[in-house]
Amino acid sequence: MADARQRRGGAVRWVAVTPPRPDAQPATPRHEPPYTGPPSYPAPPRWGFPNLIWRLPTHVPGTASSAPDPAAAQRTVGVGATVVLLVLAVFTALAGAAELWRYALLVQSRETALSATAVGVSDRLVVWGYLATVPLLSLAAVIMTFGWFVLARTVAARRFGYQPPRSMFGVVLRIFGPWPAVGLALGLLWLLSLVPALSAVAVTLMPAVALVVVTVGLVLGGPVLVELEHAALGNGPSARMRPSWQVLLWWVAWVGNGVLVVVTAIWRAREGLQQQADAVVLTASTELAAATLAVLTVLVIRRVMALLEPRHLGSLRRLRVVGVRGAPAPEPRTARPAGASR
């Protein structure tokens, strides 16, 4: 069947349609069945959600989301590093107190005889409070703190989308480089001391060169932590770095502790009773400075972790709206016609 439509200018458009079937019957209206209640099954259906407790996507094993997360790793390593550092601070403080007690015994021995018990307790405190614990704790603290630093550096770079301004080799060189540099400088001076004409000059320059090299090296290691805090704050490479007071105090303690270590080593190499007594005081000062450095390192780690990790929902204070003042009145609700369907 065709239908012709007359348009302007005499144009004709033909439209083809399907002819009706001779045996077709008129469509009857379809009625919805009445509601008989919720569906029921003769047996538990096998479709639906699995019988598992809901878990975070990052904790589902066997999926791509189960790969190690640097943010979670830096949080775990950071917590472990803070625990080790706090234990190290306690033992170094005890070692410093033991050294001060030893100095008091040295002063007392100039006038009266010392008790064998007091001397024995002092020696045991130095041995068990320092020699048996502090070196191992220091090694563990250095390894865990540096591991946390590397992870935190990676998390900050991924979160804010720009590469760190310093390579990993440069970071290692600035943090651990001062001590090999001191050894290299002293080795060169020792070789010069083998020459008879330069022996006296080389021996005289050894303490000064060691102090200068270690001071410059430790000062250059501070910007590494400043850059980490700057990246954790989300500031771009072009923004000016403004270190916090925690980082500045850590920087001062970092340099001061290293200088005290070198001065104590130089003083212990001298001969004489007064020099040995002064070395005991310097050793106590070094131990207390190390305890201070450990505590400041904990503060810096906690600050950077707080910057990289959002606050836990359980620690957030829930707010309640008491009233709204000065807000515009809401728009009136549109009236619904009486015959409109819901």
Foldseek 3Di string as FASTA:
>chain_A
DWDWDADPPRDIDIDDDDDDDPPDDDDDDDDDDDDDDDDDDPDDDPDDDDPDDDDDPCPDPPDPSVPDDLLVVLVVLLVVLLVLLLVLLVLLLQLLVLLVLVLVVVVVVVPDPDDPVSVVVSVCSNCVSDVVPNVVSVVVNVVSLVVSLVSLQVLLCVVLPHHQPDDPVVLCCLPVVLVVVLVVLLVVLVVQLVPVVCVVVSVVCSLVVNLVSNLVSLLSNLVSLQSSLCSLQSDDPPDDGDDDPLSVVLSVLSNVLSNLVSVLVVLVPDDDDVSVSVSSNSSSVSSNSSSVNSVSSSVSSVVSSPSSDDDDPVPDDDDDDPDDPPDDDDDDDDDDDPPDDD
